[in-house]
């Protein structure tokens, strides 16, 4: 096989590659509601389930990043202040980058493992392991 034939085969292989793997994970979008001086994330439990993370961990991150206290009501998270859904969704994206997606392969197939006092994020896809930032 000559060089041109090989290059043509590579081009065909690239066009036939499935990009489905990258689209498999869809970033959850927070559905918010303003009631008085509170902002409520209506689908918070669904977000935690999609991200496969503890709801308390996500809430702690949001409270800290938004500099706003809050709490839980059933499946909702409420924040003591008015904040736009755009800002909340931006913070959720940052959470996903830091605590959900693997830094090596960028896949969401990660789990949190606790070893003594430390927490590590282990990727089930590529096997990478790294310590998690303490909140």
N, C-alpha and C. Protein backbone atom coordinates (compact mmCIF):
# COMPACT_ATOMS: atom_id res chain seq x y z
N UNK A 1 0.85 -1.17 0.00
CA UNK A 1 0.00 0.00 0.00
C UNK A 1 0.89 1.24 0.00
N UNK A 2 0.55 2.17 -0.82
CA UNK A 2 1.34 3.39 -0.89
C UNK A 2 0.88 4.42 0.14
N UNK A 3 1.63 5.47 0.24
CA UNK A 3 1.38 6.51 1.24
C UNK A 3 0.01 7.17 1.05
N UNK A 4 -0.37 7.46 -0.20
CA UNK A 4 -1.66 8.11 -0.48
C UNK A 4 -2.84 7.22 -0.09
N UNK A 5 -2.72 5.93 -0.33
CA UNK A 5 -3.78 4.99 0.05
C UNK A 5 -3.96 4.93 1.55
N UNK A 6 -2.83 4.96 2.26
CA UNK A 6 -2.87 4.94 3.72
C UNK A 6 -3.54 6.21 4.26
N UNK A 7 -3.18 7.35 3.69
CA UNK A 7 -3.76 8.63 4.14
C UNK A 7 -5.26 8.65 3.86
N UNK A 8 -5.68 8.11 2.73
CA UNK A 8 -7.11 8.04 2.40
C UNK A 8 -7.86 7.16 3.40
N UNK A 9 -7.23 6.03 3.78
CA UNK A 9 -7.87 5.16 4.77
C UNK A 9 -8.00 5.87 6.11
N UNK A 10 -6.99 6.63 6.51
CA UNK A 10 -7.06 7.39 7.77
C UNK A 10 -8.18 8.42 7.73
N UNK A 11 -8.33 9.10 6.62
CA UNK A 11 -9.40 10.10 6.48
C UNK A 11 -10.77 9.44 6.61
N UNK A 12 -10.95 8.29 5.95
CA UNK A 12 -12.23 7.59 6.04
C UNK A 12 -12.49 7.11 7.47
N UNK A 13 -11.45 6.63 8.13
CA UNK A 13 -11.61 6.16 9.51
C UNK A 13 -12.02 7.31 10.42
N UNK A 14 -11.43 8.46 10.25
CA UNK A 14 -11.79 9.63 11.09
C UNK A 14 -13.22 10.07 10.88
N UNK A 15 -13.68 10.05 9.64
CA UNK A 15 -15.06 10.47 9.38
C UNK A 15 -16.06 9.45 9.91
N UNK A 16 -15.65 8.18 9.98
CA UNK A 16 -16.55 7.13 10.47
C UNK A 16 -16.52 6.97 11.98
N UNK A 17 -15.58 7.63 12.64
CA UNK A 17 -15.51 7.51 14.10
C UNK A 17 -16.78 8.05 14.73
N UNK A 18 -17.24 7.37 15.73
CA UNK A 18 -18.45 7.79 16.43
C UNK A 18 -18.10 8.88 17.44
N UNK A 19 -18.84 9.98 17.40
CA UNK A 19 -18.66 11.04 18.40
C UNK A 19 -19.70 10.90 19.50
N UNK A 20 -20.40 9.79 19.47
CA UNK A 20 -21.44 9.54 20.46
C UNK A 20 -20.88 9.52 21.88
N UNK A 21 -19.66 9.07 22.05
CA UNK A 21 -19.04 9.00 23.37
C UNK A 21 -18.98 10.38 24.02
N UNK A 22 -18.69 11.39 23.24
CA UNK A 22 -18.59 12.75 23.78
C UNK A 22 -19.95 13.31 24.14
N UNK A 23 -20.97 12.89 23.44
CA UNK A 23 -22.31 13.42 23.69
C UNK A 23 -23.09 12.60 24.73
N UNK A 24 -22.48 11.55 25.20
CA UNK A 24 -23.15 10.64 26.13
C UNK A 24 -23.53 11.36 27.42
N UNK A 25 -22.67 12.27 27.88
CA UNK A 25 -22.93 12.99 29.12
C UNK A 25 -23.48 14.36 28.78
N UNK A 26 -24.67 14.64 29.27
CA UNK A 26 -25.25 15.95 29.07
C UNK A 26 -25.28 16.68 30.40
N UNK A 27 -24.74 17.87 30.39
CA UNK A 27 -24.68 18.69 31.58
C UNK A 27 -26.11 19.00 32.03
N UNK A 28 -26.44 18.67 33.30
CA UNK A 28 -27.79 19.00 33.77
C UNK A 28 -27.97 20.51 33.92
N UNK A 29 -29.16 20.98 33.63
CA UNK A 29 -29.47 22.40 33.72
C UNK A 29 -30.40 22.62 34.90
N UNK A 30 -30.03 23.57 35.75
CA UNK A 30 -30.84 23.85 36.94
C UNK A 30 -32.12 24.59 36.55
N UNK A 31 -33.24 24.10 37.08
CA UNK A 31 -34.52 24.78 36.92
C UNK A 31 -34.75 25.57 38.20
N UNK A 32 -34.74 26.89 38.07
CA UNK A 32 -34.83 27.73 39.26
C UNK A 32 -36.16 28.47 39.33
N UNK A 33 -36.47 28.89 40.55
CA UNK A 33 -37.68 29.67 40.79
C UNK A 33 -37.36 30.69 41.88
N UNK A 34 -37.78 31.91 41.67
CA UNK A 34 -37.58 32.97 42.66
C UNK A 34 -38.85 33.12 43.48
N UNK A 35 -38.70 32.99 44.79
CA UNK A 35 -39.83 33.19 45.70
C UNK A 35 -39.37 34.17 46.76
N UNK A 36 -39.87 35.37 46.69
CA UNK A 36 -39.44 36.40 47.63
C UNK A 36 -37.96 36.67 47.45
N UNK A 37 -37.20 36.51 48.54
CA UNK A 37 -35.76 36.72 48.48
C UNK A 37 -34.99 35.41 48.43
N UNK A 38 -35.68 34.34 48.05
CA UNK A 38 -35.04 33.04 47.94
C UNK A 38 -35.02 32.57 46.49
N UNK A 39 -33.99 31.81 46.16
CA UNK A 39 -33.91 31.15 44.87
C UNK A 39 -33.97 29.65 45.14
N UNK A 40 -34.85 28.97 44.44
CA UNK A 40 -35.03 27.54 44.64
C UNK A 40 -34.61 26.79 43.38
N UNK A 41 -33.76 25.80 43.56
CA UNK A 41 -33.38 24.92 42.45
C UNK A 41 -34.33 23.73 42.54
N UNK A 42 -35.32 23.71 41.66
CA UNK A 42 -36.40 22.73 41.73
C UNK A 42 -35.94 21.30 41.45
N UNK A 43 -34.98 21.12 40.56
CA UNK A 43 -34.57 19.77 40.14
C UNK A 43 -33.22 19.38 40.74
N UNK A 44 -32.94 19.81 41.95
CA UNK A 44 -31.63 19.58 42.54
C UNK A 44 -31.32 18.09 42.75
N UNK A 45 -32.28 17.32 43.20
CA UNK A 45 -32.02 15.89 43.41
C UNK A 45 -31.74 15.18 42.09
N UNK A 46 -32.38 15.61 41.00
CA UNK A 46 -32.11 15.04 39.68
C UNK A 46 -30.70 15.38 39.22
N UNK A 47 -30.26 16.60 39.52
CA UNK A 47 -28.91 17.02 39.16
C UNK A 47 -27.89 16.15 39.87
N UNK A 48 -28.09 15.95 41.18
CA UNK A 48 -27.16 15.12 41.97
C UNK A 48 -27.15 13.69 41.44
N UNK A 49 -28.30 13.17 41.06
CA UNK A 49 -28.39 11.81 40.53
C UNK A 49 -27.68 11.70 39.18
N UNK A 50 -27.83 12.69 38.33
CA UNK A 50 -27.17 12.69 37.02
C UNK A 50 -25.65 12.76 37.16
N UNK A 51 -25.19 13.58 38.11
CA UNK A 51 -23.75 13.75 38.33
C UNK A 51 -23.15 12.60 39.13
N UNK A 52 -23.98 11.77 39.74
CA UNK A 52 -23.53 10.65 40.59
C UNK A 52 -22.66 11.15 41.74
N UNK A 53 -23.12 12.20 42.37
CA UNK A 53 -22.42 12.78 43.51
C UNK A 53 -23.42 13.02 44.63
N UNK A 54 -22.88 13.10 45.85
CA UNK A 54 -23.70 13.35 47.03
C UNK A 54 -24.29 14.76 46.94
N UNK A 55 -25.58 14.87 47.15
CA UNK A 55 -26.26 16.16 47.06
C UNK A 55 -25.68 17.17 48.06
N UNK A 56 -25.27 16.69 49.23
CA UNK A 56 -24.69 17.59 50.23
C UNK A 56 -23.37 18.18 49.74
N UNK A 57 -22.60 17.39 49.02
CA UNK A 57 -21.31 17.88 48.49
C UNK A 57 -21.55 18.98 47.45
N UNK A 58 -22.49 18.75 46.55
CA UNK A 58 -22.81 19.75 45.53
C UNK A 58 -23.35 21.01 46.19
N UNK A 59 -24.22 20.84 47.17
CA UNK A 59 -24.81 21.99 47.87
C UNK A 59 -23.73 22.80 48.58
N UNK A 60 -22.81 22.12 49.27
CA UNK A 60 -21.73 22.82 49.96
C UNK A 60 -20.91 23.63 48.97
N UNK A 61 -20.64 23.05 47.81
CA UNK A 61 -19.88 23.76 46.78
C UNK A 61 -20.64 25.01 46.33
N UNK A 62 -21.94 24.86 46.07
CA UNK A 62 -22.73 26.01 45.61
C UNK A 62 -22.82 27.10 46.68
N UNK A 63 -23.04 26.70 47.93
CA UNK A 63 -23.11 27.69 49.02
C UNK A 63 -21.81 28.49 49.09
N UNK A 64 -20.70 27.79 48.96
CA UNK A 64 -19.40 28.45 49.06
C UNK A 64 -19.13 29.35 47.84
N UNK A 65 -19.36 28.82 46.66
CA UNK A 65 -19.06 29.57 45.43
C UNK A 65 -20.00 30.76 45.22
N UNK A 66 -21.24 30.61 45.65
CA UNK A 66 -22.20 31.69 45.48
C UNK A 66 -22.21 32.64 46.69
N UNK A 67 -21.43 32.29 47.71
CA UNK A 67 -21.35 33.08 48.94
C UNK A 67 -22.75 33.35 49.49
N UNK A 68 -23.50 32.27 49.64
CA UNK A 68 -24.89 32.38 50.01
C UNK A 68 -25.32 31.15 50.83
N UNK A 69 -25.95 31.34 51.98
CA UNK A 69 -26.42 30.18 52.74
C UNK A 69 -27.68 29.59 52.09
N UNK A 70 -28.01 28.40 52.51
CA UNK A 70 -29.21 27.76 51.97
C UNK A 70 -29.47 26.46 52.69
N UNK A 71 -30.32 25.64 52.11
CA UNK A 71 -30.68 24.37 52.72
C UNK A 71 -31.50 23.52 51.77
N UNK A 72 -31.96 22.38 52.28
CA UNK A 72 -32.74 21.42 51.50
C UNK A 72 -34.20 21.46 51.90
N UNK A 73 -35.05 21.27 50.93
CA UNK A 73 -36.48 21.02 51.15
C UNK A 73 -36.86 19.89 50.20
N UNK A 74 -37.08 18.74 50.75
CA UNK A 74 -37.39 17.55 49.95
C UNK A 74 -36.38 17.35 48.82
N UNK A 75 -36.79 17.53 47.58
CA UNK A 75 -35.90 17.32 46.43
C UNK A 75 -35.31 18.62 45.90
N UNK A 76 -35.54 19.72 46.61
CA UNK A 76 -35.11 21.04 46.15
C UNK A 76 -34.00 21.59 47.03
N UNK A 77 -33.24 22.50 46.45
CA UNK A 77 -32.22 23.24 47.19
C UNK A 77 -32.64 24.70 47.16
N UNK A 78 -32.65 25.33 48.32
CA UNK A 78 -32.98 26.74 48.32
C UNK A 78 -31.78 27.56 48.76
N UNK A 79 -31.66 28.73 48.16
CA UNK A 79 -30.58 29.66 48.45
C UNK A 79 -31.18 30.92 49.04
N UNK A 80 -30.57 31.44 50.08
CA UNK A 80 -31.07 32.64 50.76
C UNK A 80 -30.63 33.90 50.02
N UNK A 81 -31.20 34.14 48.88
CA UNK A 81 -30.90 35.32 48.09
C UNK A 81 -31.34 35.11 46.66
N UNK A 82 -31.43 36.22 45.94
CA UNK A 82 -31.82 36.14 44.53
C UNK A 82 -30.56 35.97 43.69
N UNK A 83 -30.61 34.97 42.83
CA UNK A 83 -29.49 34.72 41.94
C UNK A 83 -30.03 34.14 40.63
N UNK A 84 -29.46 34.55 39.53
CA UNK A 84 -29.98 34.11 38.23
C UNK A 84 -29.62 32.65 37.96
N UNK A 85 -30.44 32.03 37.14
CA UNK A 85 -30.18 30.63 36.79
C UNK A 85 -28.90 30.50 35.97
N UNK A 86 -28.54 31.55 35.22
CA UNK A 86 -27.29 31.52 34.44
C UNK A 86 -26.08 31.37 35.36
N UNK A 87 -26.07 32.10 36.45
CA UNK A 87 -24.95 32.04 37.40
C UNK A 87 -24.91 30.66 38.06
N UNK A 88 -26.06 30.15 38.45
CA UNK A 88 -26.13 28.82 39.08
C UNK A 88 -25.62 27.75 38.11
N UNK A 89 -26.06 27.81 36.86
CA UNK A 89 -25.63 26.82 35.87
C UNK A 89 -24.13 26.93 35.57
N UNK A 90 -23.61 28.14 35.60
CA UNK A 90 -22.16 28.33 35.41
C UNK A 90 -21.39 27.67 36.55
N UNK A 91 -21.86 27.83 37.78
CA UNK A 91 -21.19 27.21 38.93
C UNK A 91 -21.31 25.68 38.87
N UNK A 92 -22.44 25.18 38.38
CA UNK A 92 -22.59 23.73 38.22
C UNK A 92 -21.61 23.19 37.18
N UNK A 93 -21.40 23.94 36.10
CA UNK A 93 -20.41 23.53 35.09
C UNK A 93 -19.01 23.47 35.71
N UNK A 94 -18.68 24.44 36.54
CA UNK A 94 -17.38 24.46 37.21
C UNK A 94 -17.26 23.26 38.16
N UNK A 95 -18.35 22.93 38.84
CA UNK A 95 -18.35 21.75 39.73
C UNK A 95 -18.07 20.49 38.93
N UNK A 96 -18.73 20.35 37.80
CA UNK A 96 -18.55 19.16 36.97
C UNK A 96 -17.10 19.05 36.51
N UNK A 97 -16.51 20.15 36.08
CA UNK A 97 -15.11 20.12 35.63
C UNK A 97 -14.17 19.71 36.76
N UNK A 98 -14.45 20.18 37.97
CA UNK A 98 -13.54 19.92 39.10
C UNK A 98 -13.79 18.56 39.76
N UNK A 99 -15.07 18.15 39.90
CA UNK A 99 -15.40 17.00 40.73
C UNK A 99 -16.05 15.82 40.00
N UNK A 100 -16.31 15.93 38.70
CA UNK A 100 -16.99 14.84 38.00
C UNK A 100 -16.19 14.32 36.81
N UNK A 101 -15.74 15.21 35.93
CA UNK A 101 -15.04 14.77 34.73
C UNK A 101 -13.60 14.39 35.02
N UNK A 102 -13.16 13.30 34.40
CA UNK A 102 -11.78 12.85 34.55
C UNK A 102 -10.85 13.83 33.83
N UNK A 103 -9.77 14.21 34.47
CA UNK A 103 -8.82 15.13 33.85
C UNK A 103 -7.99 14.46 32.77
N UNK A 104 -7.91 13.15 32.80
CA UNK A 104 -7.09 12.43 31.82
C UNK A 104 -7.87 12.15 30.53
N UNK A 105 -9.08 11.59 30.67
CA UNK A 105 -9.84 11.18 29.48
C UNK A 105 -11.11 12.00 29.26
N UNK A 106 -11.43 12.91 30.17
CA UNK A 106 -12.60 13.79 30.09
C UNK A 106 -13.94 13.07 30.11
N UNK A 107 -13.97 11.86 30.63
CA UNK A 107 -15.23 11.12 30.71
C UNK A 107 -15.85 11.30 32.10
N UNK A 108 -17.17 11.19 32.19
CA UNK A 108 -17.85 11.38 33.47
C UNK A 108 -17.92 10.11 34.32
N UNK A 109 -17.23 9.07 33.92
CA UNK A 109 -17.30 7.77 34.60
C UNK A 109 -16.39 7.73 35.82
N UNK A 110 -16.62 8.64 36.75
CA UNK A 110 -15.76 8.71 37.93
C UNK A 110 -16.55 8.42 39.19
N UNK A 111 -15.83 7.95 40.20
CA UNK A 111 -16.42 7.73 41.51
C UNK A 111 -15.52 8.39 42.56
N UNK A 112 -16.10 8.69 43.69
CA UNK A 112 -15.34 9.27 44.79
C UNK A 112 -15.03 8.15 45.78
N UNK A 113 -13.76 8.00 46.10
CA UNK A 113 -13.32 7.00 47.06
C UNK A 113 -12.72 7.71 48.26
N UNK A 114 -13.05 7.24 49.44
CA UNK A 114 -12.50 7.82 50.65
C UNK A 114 -11.47 6.85 51.23
N UNK A 115 -10.24 7.33 51.40
CA UNK A 115 -9.17 6.54 51.98
C UNK A 115 -8.69 7.31 53.21
N UNK A 116 -8.99 6.74 54.37
CA UNK A 116 -8.73 7.40 55.66
C UNK A 116 -9.42 8.76 55.67
N UNK A 117 -8.66 9.85 55.74
CA UNK A 117 -9.27 11.18 55.80
C UNK A 117 -9.34 11.85 54.45
N UNK A 118 -8.84 11.21 53.41
CA UNK A 118 -8.71 11.84 52.11
C UNK A 118 -9.71 11.27 51.11
N UNK A 119 -10.15 12.13 50.20
CA UNK A 119 -11.05 11.69 49.14
C UNK A 119 -10.32 11.76 47.81
N UNK A 120 -10.52 10.71 47.01
CA UNK A 120 -9.92 10.62 45.70
C UNK A 120 -11.01 10.41 44.66
N UNK A 121 -10.76 10.92 43.45
CA UNK A 121 -11.67 10.67 42.35
C UNK A 121 -10.99 9.65 41.45
N UNK A 122 -11.68 8.52 41.23
CA UNK A 122 -11.12 7.46 40.40
C UNK A 122 -11.98 7.32 39.15
N UNK A 123 -11.32 7.30 38.02
CA UNK A 123 -12.02 7.14 36.75
C UNK A 123 -12.19 5.65 36.46
N UNK A 124 -13.42 5.24 36.23
CA UNK A 124 -13.70 3.85 35.92
C UNK A 124 -13.40 3.52 34.46
N UNK A 125 -13.22 4.56 33.63
CA UNK A 125 -12.94 4.34 32.22
C UNK A 125 -11.45 4.13 31.96
N UNK A 126 -10.60 5.03 32.50
CA UNK A 126 -9.17 4.93 32.20
C UNK A 126 -8.32 4.54 33.40
N UNK A 127 -8.90 4.55 34.60
CA UNK A 127 -8.17 4.13 35.79
C UNK A 127 -7.41 5.25 36.49
N UNK A 128 -7.46 6.46 35.97
CA UNK A 128 -6.75 7.57 36.59
C UNK A 128 -7.32 7.85 37.98
N UNK A 129 -6.45 8.31 38.86
CA UNK A 129 -6.86 8.59 40.23
C UNK A 129 -6.18 9.89 40.66
N UNK A 130 -6.95 10.77 41.30
CA UNK A 130 -6.37 12.02 41.80
C UNK A 130 -7.09 12.45 43.07
N UNK A 131 -6.40 13.19 43.93
CA UNK A 131 -7.04 13.68 45.15
C UNK A 131 -8.04 14.78 44.84
N UNK A 132 -9.10 14.83 45.62
CA UNK A 132 -10.10 15.87 45.44
C UNK A 132 -9.80 17.06 46.34
N UNK A 133 -10.17 18.22 45.85
CA UNK A 133 -10.02 19.45 46.61
C UNK A 133 -11.00 19.42 47.78
N UNK A 134 -10.55 19.85 48.94
CA UNK A 134 -11.40 19.87 50.13
C UNK A 134 -12.29 21.11 50.06
N UNK A 135 -13.57 20.92 50.36
CA UNK A 135 -14.50 22.07 50.38
C UNK A 135 -14.57 22.69 51.75
